């Protein structure tokens, strides 16, 4: 999927920016061309279909090039990032791409090390951006076509993303072509070129980017990426590029709100990643005079719920909205039985985007219900209008 989408995006959008990090701009044409060359480099290093390529990289264009390159040869990308490099070891990667100072001295790994200019300068101007603005070693770039396309396989694994680890160690969550296609269809449908520029608020290895890159390619969205998120850096990007949609976790949105900065181009605020306090939603709406929407999904589910810009303003203050198309929600008691409307219980989600399973763990069966729903670990209830209200977390059993 990513191979075809990257090629078509290059043809349609060409010199439009796909990823912007500080002074570095990666166009859609360069993304396709460079990922071809890196895919050839991966293949020459022995990476094969189904192998894991771990990206222990700061967020930036190199991450995206390597992700698309791995997909072009049927390898599985694991976006580890630089904060938790130990996450890569249980994955048994065939290749690790990293920057200096991230990995401990470890025998038995095939490692490619890139320069670290983006991460050293917090997304600000860092001088010469290098060829195409992307810092990839010549030994990884081969000026030839990657191996020929392989037959379509909806079950083929594509990307490993990681849970945020708020309630325990991060879990490695596997998504395949089938799930990415469901997420792409939901986010883009049959439309090409309709995506506006966005500031990416979360690490590229997490769900919001890792599974939605196909939709970003199809819609021609420019993704502004900060190697390390800060309110000051985010405000600079939002203002400099007249970004119309502000997206972030409640903590990030609260930091931005505290700066009381004018954002005249803003047309919509999206809160995701954790429940937003009602007072934050109301304060954002009052300060910027735009709709504020809540988004809710757990990593394992792929797709979830949300309020809409045309919903009553108070919906986002008291709920996380209604299921998106193709998403089923079930509220169940500890015995797995559905509860009555308005009664709280654990939230279960089901869609075509639900993960394939965990990697490196033997607890898949514990998270899947027999009917294909997945546990979210959140407690909530559905009101008489179909809105989901979250009321806390399900208590964890001792030792779990």
Protein backbone atom coordinates (compact mmCIF):
# COMPACT_ATOMS: atom_id res chain seq x y z
CA UNK A 1 0.00 0.00 0.00
CA UNK A 2 2.63 2.56 1.04
CA UNK A 3 4.70 1.80 -2.06
CA UNK A 4 1.81 2.62 -4.38
CA UNK A 5 0.61 5.62 -2.37
CA UNK A 6 4.10 7.14 -2.17
CA UNK A 7 4.52 6.86 -5.93
CA UNK A 8 1.11 8.33 -6.69
CA UNK A 9 1.61 11.14 -4.16
CA UNK A 10 4.93 11.99 -5.84
CA UNK A 11 3.18 12.14 -9.21
CA UNK A 12 0.28 14.27 -7.98
CA UNK A 13 1.99 16.56 -5.47
CA UNK A 14 5.65 16.56 -6.56
CA UNK A 15 7.35 19.57 -4.99
CA UNK A 16 4.77 20.05 -2.23
CA UNK A 17 6.21 19.62 1.27
CA UNK A 18 5.41 16.26 2.85
CA UNK A 19 7.46 16.67 6.04
CA UNK A 20 8.90 19.90 7.46
CA UNK A 21 11.31 19.91 10.39
CA UNK A 22 12.93 23.27 11.13
CA UNK A 23 14.83 24.36 8.03
CA UNK A 24 14.49 20.96 6.36
CA UNK A 25 11.70 20.28 3.87
CA UNK A 26 11.08 16.85 2.37
CA UNK A 27 8.83 16.97 -0.68
CA UNK A 28 6.54 14.18 -1.81
CA UNK A 29 8.76 13.63 -4.85
CA UNK A 30 11.90 13.39 -2.70
CA UNK A 31 10.16 11.05 -0.25
CA UNK A 32 9.36 8.59 -3.02
CA UNK A 33 12.79 8.87 -4.63
CA UNK A 34 14.81 8.61 -1.42
CA UNK A 35 12.69 5.78 -0.02
CA UNK A 36 13.34 3.85 -3.25
CA UNK A 37 17.08 4.25 -2.72
CA UNK A 38 16.90 3.35 0.98
CA UNK A 39 14.68 0.34 0.19
CA UNK A 40 17.45 -0.89 -2.12
CA UNK A 41 19.97 -0.23 0.63
CA UNK A 42 17.90 -2.22 3.11
CA UNK A 43 17.60 -5.12 0.67
CA UNK A 44 21.35 -5.15 0.03
CA UNK A 45 21.92 -5.38 3.78
CA UNK A 46 19.82 -8.53 3.86
CA UNK A 47 16.43 -7.16 5.04
CA UNK A 48 13.65 -9.36 3.69
CA UNK A 49 9.85 -9.52 3.71
CA UNK A 50 8.59 -9.76 7.28
CA UNK A 51 11.86 -8.63 8.90
CA UNK A 52 11.69 -5.85 11.49
CA UNK A 53 13.49 -2.57 10.86
CA UNK A 54 13.71 -0.63 14.14
CA UNK A 55 13.92 3.17 13.87
CA UNK A 56 15.62 4.50 17.01
CA UNK A 57 15.51 7.97 15.48
CA UNK A 58 14.37 11.43 16.51
CA UNK A 59 11.20 12.55 14.77
CA UNK A 60 11.94 14.06 11.39
CA UNK A 61 12.08 13.33 7.65
CA UNK A 62 14.63 10.52 8.00
CA UNK A 63 12.11 8.57 10.07
CA UNK A 64 9.46 8.90 7.35
CA UNK A 65 11.85 7.98 4.51
CA UNK A 66 12.99 4.83 6.35
CA UNK A 67 9.40 3.85 7.20
CA UNK A 68 8.27 4.08 3.56
CA UNK A 69 11.46 2.33 2.42
CA UNK A 70 10.86 -0.63 4.73
CA UNK A 71 7.26 -0.92 3.51
CA UNK A 72 8.45 -0.96 -0.11
CA UNK A 73 10.32 -4.23 0.48
CA UNK A 74 7.71 -5.77 2.78
CA UNK A 75 9.65 -5.21 6.00
CA UNK A 76 7.98 -4.19 9.26
CA UNK A 77 8.81 -0.79 10.75
CA UNK A 78 9.08 -0.39 14.52
CA UNK A 79 9.18 3.30 15.46
CA UNK A 80 11.10 3.10 18.72
CA UNK A 81 12.29 6.72 18.88
CA UNK A 82 15.20 7.86 21.05
CA UNK A 83 13.69 7.99 24.56
CA UNK A 84 13.19 4.22 25.05
CA UNK A 85 15.73 2.37 22.85
CA UNK A 86 15.37 -0.75 25.02
CA UNK A 87 11.98 -1.32 23.40
CA UNK A 88 13.67 -2.60 20.25
CA UNK A 89 15.45 -5.62 21.80
CA UNK A 90 12.41 -7.93 22.24
CA UNK A 91 11.54 -7.30 18.57
CA UNK A 92 14.68 -9.07 17.24
CA UNK A 93 15.18 -6.50 14.46
CA UNK A 94 17.08 -7.38 11.29
CA UNK A 95 18.33 -3.78 11.14
CA UNK A 96 18.38 -0.78 13.45
CA UNK A 97 18.61 2.79 12.14
CA UNK A 98 19.65 5.28 14.80
CA UNK A 99 21.69 8.39 15.62
CA UNK A 100 24.77 8.74 17.84
CA UNK A 101 24.35 8.34 21.58
CA UNK A 102 21.05 6.45 21.57
CA UNK A 103 21.96 2.77 21.69
CA UNK A 104 24.17 1.15 24.32
CA UNK A 105 27.09 -0.90 23.08
CA UNK A 106 25.35 -4.09 22.04
CA UNK A 107 26.65 -7.06 20.11
CA UNK A 108 24.57 -8.90 17.57
CA UNK A 109 22.66 -5.98 15.99
CA UNK A 110 23.11 -4.65 12.48
CA UNK A 111 23.09 -0.87 13.07
CA UNK A 112 23.15 2.09 10.68
CA UNK A 113 23.94 5.41 12.39
CA UNK A 114 22.81 8.75 10.96
CA UNK A 115 23.80 12.29 11.84
CA UNK A 116 21.73 13.87 14.61
CA UNK A 117 21.38 17.49 13.46
CA UNK A 118 17.59 17.74 13.74
CA UNK A 119 17.48 16.56 17.33
CA UNK A 120 20.33 18.80 18.47
CA UNK A 121 18.61 22.03 17.50
CA UNK A 122 15.06 21.57 18.77
CA UNK A 123 13.59 22.02 15.32
CA UNK A 124 15.16 25.44 14.71
CA UNK A 125 17.42 26.48 11.83
CA UNK A 126 20.42 24.14 11.85
CA UNK A 127 22.35 25.31 8.79
CA UNK A 128 23.00 23.25 5.71
CA UNK A 129 20.19 20.72 5.42
CA UNK A 130 22.20 18.44 3.12
CA UNK A 131 21.03 16.83 -0.12
CA UNK A 132 17.21 16.85 -0.30
CA UNK A 133 17.27 18.13 3.29
CA UNK A 134 17.59 14.58 4.63
CA UNK A 135 20.65 13.21 6.38
CA UNK A 136 21.11 9.63 5.26
CA UNK A 137 24.53 7.98 4.88
CA UNK A 138 25.65 7.23 1.35
CA UNK A 139 26.04 3.56 2.21
CA UNK A 140 22.29 3.30 2.79
CA UNK A 141 21.34 5.05 -0.46
CA UNK A 142 21.58 2.98 -3.62
CA UNK A 143 20.72 4.72 -6.89
CA UNK A 144 18.61 1.87 -8.23
CA UNK A 145 15.06 0.66 -8.09
CA UNK A 146 14.04 -1.38 -5.06
CA UNK A 147 13.12 -5.05 -5.52
CA UNK A 148 9.98 -5.62 -7.61
CA UNK A 149 6.57 -5.25 -5.93
CA UNK A 150 5.29 -8.30 -4.09
CA UNK A 151 1.76 -9.75 -4.36
CA UNK A 152 -0.89 -8.00 -2.22
CA UNK A 153 -1.51 -9.62 1.14
CA UNK A 154 -4.01 -7.99 3.54
CA UNK A 155 -2.50 -9.95 6.41
CA UNK A 156 1.07 -8.79 5.82
CA UNK A 157 2.43 -6.91 8.86
CA UNK A 158 3.49 -3.33 8.17
CA UNK A 159 4.19 -1.37 11.34
CA UNK A 160 4.73 -1.85 15.05
CA UNK A 161 3.62 1.08 17.15
CA UNK A 162 3.77 1.49 20.90
CA UNK A 163 1.26 2.31 23.59
CA UNK A 164 2.02 5.42 25.65
CA UNK A 165 2.85 3.35 28.73
CA UNK A 166 0.74 5.37 31.16
CA UNK A 167 -0.33 2.27 33.11
CA UNK A 168 2.76 0.10 32.65
CA UNK A 169 5.59 -0.60 30.22
CA UNK A 170 4.77 0.37 26.61
CA UNK A 171 3.38 -2.51 24.57
CA UNK A 172 4.43 -3.22 20.98
CA UNK A 173 1.25 -3.27 18.87
CA UNK A 174 1.26 -4.77 15.37
CA UNK A 175 -0.80 -3.43 12.46
CA UNK A 176 -0.95 -5.00 9.02
CA UNK A 177 -2.05 -3.96 5.56
CA UNK A 178 -5.69 -4.73 6.33
CA UNK A 179 -5.81 -2.38 9.34
CA UNK A 180 -3.91 0.41 7.58
CA UNK A 181 -6.32 0.16 4.66
CA UNK A 182 -9.30 0.53 7.03
CA UNK A 183 -7.71 3.59 8.65
CA UNK A 184 -6.83 5.06 5.25
CA UNK A 185 -10.36 4.53 3.94
CA UNK A 186 -11.80 6.20 7.02
CA UNK A 187 -9.45 9.19 6.87
CA UNK A 188 -9.26 9.75 3.12
CA UNK A 189 -11.84 7.63 1.31
CA UNK A 190 -11.48 8.19 -2.41
CA UNK A 191 -10.33 11.80 -2.09
CA UNK A 192 -6.90 12.99 -3.22
CA UNK A 193 -5.24 16.25 -2.26
CA UNK A 194 -7.68 17.48 0.39
CA UNK A 195 -5.37 17.49 3.42
CA UNK A 196 -4.38 20.73 5.12
CA UNK A 197 -1.07 21.26 6.93
CA UNK A 198 -0.85 19.96 10.49
CA UNK A 199 1.60 20.13 13.35
CA UNK A 200 2.17 16.53 14.52
CA UNK A 201 1.84 16.63 18.33
CA UNK A 202 3.02 13.10 19.17
CA UNK A 203 6.03 10.89 18.37
CA UNK A 204 5.98 9.50 14.84
CA UNK A 205 6.20 5.95 16.17
CA UNK A 206 2.85 6.23 17.93
CA UNK A 207 -0.57 5.43 16.52
CA UNK A 208 -1.52 8.90 15.26
CA UNK A 209 1.22 9.01 12.63
CA UNK A 210 2.38 5.42 12.22
CA UNK A 211 -1.01 4.10 11.10
CA UNK A 212 -2.22 7.26 9.35
CA UNK A 213 0.67 7.86 6.98
CA UNK A 214 -1.27 6.26 4.09
CA UNK A 215 -4.05 8.85 4.52
CA UNK A 216 -1.49 11.67 4.77
CA UNK A 217 0.09 10.57 1.49
CA UNK A 218 -3.25 10.33 -0.28
CA UNK A 219 -4.47 13.73 0.91
CA UNK A 220 -1.15 15.48 0.28
CA UNK A 221 -0.94 16.67 3.88
CA UNK A 222 2.14 18.60 4.97
CA UNK A 223 3.24 17.31 8.38
CA UNK A 224 5.22 19.77 10.50
CA UNK A 225 7.33 17.69 12.88
CA UNK A 226 9.18 18.82 16.00
CA UNK A 227 12.10 16.59 17.13
CA UNK A 228 11.04 17.47 20.68
CA UNK A 229 7.69 19.06 21.44
CA UNK A 230 7.56 22.30 23.42
CA UNK A 231 4.88 24.96 23.63
CA UNK A 232 7.24 27.64 22.33
CA UNK A 233 8.34 25.60 19.31
CA UNK A 234 4.75 24.57 18.57
CA UNK A 235 3.54 28.17 18.64
CA UNK A 236 6.31 29.24 16.26
CA UNK A 237 5.22 26.61 13.73
CA UNK A 238 1.50 27.28 14.15
CA UNK A 239 1.95 31.00 13.53
CA UNK A 240 4.64 30.82 10.83
CA UNK A 241 2.62 28.44 8.67
CA UNK A 242 -0.92 29.67 9.45
CA UNK A 243 -1.97 26.21 10.54
CA UNK A 244 -5.72 26.04 10.88
CA UNK A 245 -6.14 22.92 13.03
CA UNK A 246 -4.49 22.61 16.43
CA UNK A 247 -4.21 19.05 17.67
CA UNK A 248 -2.67 17.77 20.89
CA UNK A 249 -3.08 16.01 24.18
CA UNK A 250 -4.85 17.96 26.95
CA UNK A 251 -1.54 18.74 28.67
CA UNK A 252 -0.08 20.16 25.47
CA UNK A 253 -3.21 22.21 24.79
CA UNK A 254 -3.17 23.55 28.35
CA UNK A 255 0.47 24.66 27.91
CA UNK A 256 -0.37 26.46 24.68
CA UNK A 257 -3.41 28.09 26.24
CA UNK A 258 -1.30 29.33 29.16
CA UNK A 259 0.90 31.27 26.69
CA UNK A 260 -2.20 33.24 25.61
CA UNK A 261 -0.78 33.57 22.11
CA UNK A 262 -2.88 34.79 19.21
CA UNK A 263 -3.49 32.18 16.50
CA UNK A 264 -5.53 34.09 13.91
CA UNK A 265 -5.53 31.26 11.35
CA UNK A 266 -6.99 28.72 13.78
CA UNK A 267 -10.33 27.16 12.80
CA UNK A 268 -10.51 23.99 14.92
CA UNK A 269 -8.97 22.41 18.05
CA UNK A 270 -8.71 18.62 18.41
CA UNK A 271 -7.97 17.09 21.80
CA UNK A 272 -6.79 13.49 21.81
CA UNK A 273 -4.70 11.02 23.77
CA UNK A 274 -6.43 11.45 27.14
CA UNK A 275 -9.77 12.81 28.41
CA UNK A 276 -9.83 16.62 28.32
CA UNK A 277 -11.16 18.36 31.46
CA UNK A 278 -14.41 20.25 30.74
CA UNK A 279 -12.86 23.53 31.88
CA UNK A 280 -10.01 23.15 29.37
CA UNK A 281 -12.43 22.56 26.50
CA UNK A 282 -14.48 25.61 27.50
CA UNK A 283 -11.39 27.78 27.93
CA UNK A 284 -9.98 26.83 24.52
CA UNK A 285 -13.30 27.55 22.85
CA UNK A 286 -13.58 30.93 24.61
CA UNK A 287 -9.99 31.96 23.86
CA UNK A 288 -9.89 31.06 20.17
CA UNK A 289 -13.56 31.25 19.22
CA UNK A 290 -13.47 27.95 17.30
CA UNK A 291 -15.01 24.51 17.82
CA UNK A 292 -13.15 22.16 20.15
CA UNK A 293 -13.50 18.43 19.49
CA UNK A 294 -12.58 15.39 21.54
CA UNK A 295 -11.04 12.28 19.99
CA UNK A 296 -10.90 8.93 21.78
CA UNK A 297 -9.17 5.69 20.82
CA UNK A 298 -6.85 3.20 22.46
CA UNK A 299 -3.79 2.12 20.49
CA UNK A 300 -4.98 -1.46 20.13
CA UNK A 301 -8.29 -0.38 18.52
CA UNK A 302 -6.87 1.73 15.68
CA UNK A 303 -10.09 3.74 15.30
CA UNK A 304 -12.46 5.12 17.92
CA UNK A 305 -14.90 7.93 18.67
CA UNK A 306 -15.05 11.69 18.58
CA UNK A 307 -17.18 14.78 18.74
CA UNK A 308 -17.72 16.78 15.55
CA UNK A 309 -17.30 20.50 14.86
CA UNK A 310 -21.05 20.88 14.29
CA UNK A 311 -22.04 19.08 17.52
CA UNK A 312 -23.43 21.21 20.37
CA UNK A 313 -20.44 22.95 22.02
CA UNK A 314 -21.03 21.24 25.34
CA UNK A 315 -20.65 17.73 23.87
CA UNK A 316 -16.85 17.90 23.99
CA UNK A 317 -16.97 19.10 27.60
CA UNK A 318 -18.90 16.10 28.90
CA UNK A 319 -18.17 13.30 26.41
CA UNK A 320 -15.83 11.89 23.80
CA UNK A 321 -18.60 11.78 21.24
CA UNK A 322 -20.08 9.00 19.18
CA UNK A 323 -18.50 6.11 17.26
CA UNK A 324 -16.95 6.86 13.90
CA UNK A 325 -18.23 5.02 10.84
CA UNK A 326 -17.44 1.32 11.05
CA UNK A 327 -16.63 1.42 14.78
CA UNK A 328 -18.69 -0.54 17.30
CA UNK A 329 -18.71 0.31 21.02
CA UNK A 330 -19.82 -2.00 23.81
CA UNK A 331 -19.98 -1.29 27.55
CA UNK A 332 -19.58 -4.46 29.62
CA UNK A 333 -19.48 -5.59 33.23
CA UNK A 334 -16.54 -7.59 34.67
CA UNK A 335 -18.17 -10.78 33.47
CA UNK A 336 -18.22 -9.58 29.87
CA UNK A 337 -21.97 -8.92 29.71
CA UNK A 338 -23.33 -5.78 28.06
CA UNK A 339 -24.78 -3.27 30.54
CA UNK A 340 -27.86 -1.11 30.20
CA UNK A 341 -27.83 2.39 28.70
CA UNK A 342 -26.43 4.87 31.21
CA UNK A 343 -24.78 2.17 33.34
CA UNK A 344 -20.97 2.32 33.61
CA UNK A 345 -18.67 -0.52 32.65
CA UNK A 346 -15.52 -1.24 30.69
CA UNK A 347 -15.37 0.26 27.18
CA UNK A 348 -14.80 -2.24 24.36
CA UNK A 349 -14.10 -1.23 20.74
CA UNK A 350 -14.30 -3.17 17.47
CA UNK A 351 -13.60 -2.24 13.85
CA UNK A 352 -11.60 -3.41 10.83
CA UNK A 353 -8.68 -1.39 12.25
CA UNK A 354 -8.21 -3.45 15.43
CA UNK A 355 -4.58 -4.54 15.84
CA UNK A 356 -3.24 -7.91 14.74
CA UNK A 357 -1.82 -8.45 18.23
CA UNK A 358 1.07 -7.63 20.51
CA UNK A 359 4.68 -8.39 19.60
CA UNK A 360 6.91 -10.01 22.16
CA UNK A 361 4.07 -10.71 24.59
CA UNK A 362 1.81 -13.70 25.27
CA UNK A 363 -1.23 -11.75 26.45
CA UNK A 364 -3.12 -11.32 23.16
CA UNK A 365 -6.03 -13.46 24.29
CA UNK A 366 -6.51 -11.35 27.39
CA UNK A 367 -7.13 -8.21 25.34
CA UNK A 368 -9.44 -9.72 22.70
CA UNK A 369 -13.02 -10.68 23.46
CA UNK A 370 -14.47 -13.67 21.61
CA UNK A 371 -16.54 -11.45 19.34
CA UNK A 372 -13.59 -9.38 18.11
CA UNK A 373 -13.93 -6.47 20.52
CA UNK A 374 -10.81 -5.30 22.37
CA UNK A 375 -10.54 -4.21 25.97
CA UNK A 376 -9.62 -0.53 26.33
CA UNK A 377 -9.10 -0.54 30.10
CA UNK A 378 -11.31 2.56 30.35
CA UNK A 379 -14.62 2.80 32.19
CA UNK A 380 -17.51 4.73 30.76
CA UNK A 381 -21.19 4.75 29.86
CA UNK A 382 -23.34 5.55 26.83
CA UNK A 383 -26.03 8.18 27.34
CA UNK A 384 -29.45 8.34 25.67
CA UNK A 385 -28.02 10.29 22.69
CA UNK A 386 -25.28 7.73 21.98
CA UNK A 387 -22.40 9.75 23.43
CA UNK A 388 -19.65 7.98 25.36
CA UNK A 389 -18.75 9.43 28.75
CA UNK A 390 -15.48 8.29 30.34
CA UNK A 391 -15.43 7.93 34.13
CA UNK A 392 -12.01 6.43 34.88
CA UNK A 393 -9.90 3.31 34.45
CA UNK A 394 -10.73 -0.29 35.13
CA UNK A 395 -8.90 -1.39 38.33
CA UNK A 396 -5.91 -3.56 37.51
CA UNK A 397 -5.57 -6.93 39.22
CA UNK A 398 -2.53 -7.23 41.53
CA UNK A 399 0.54 -8.30 39.56
CA UNK A 400 -1.07 -7.65 36.17
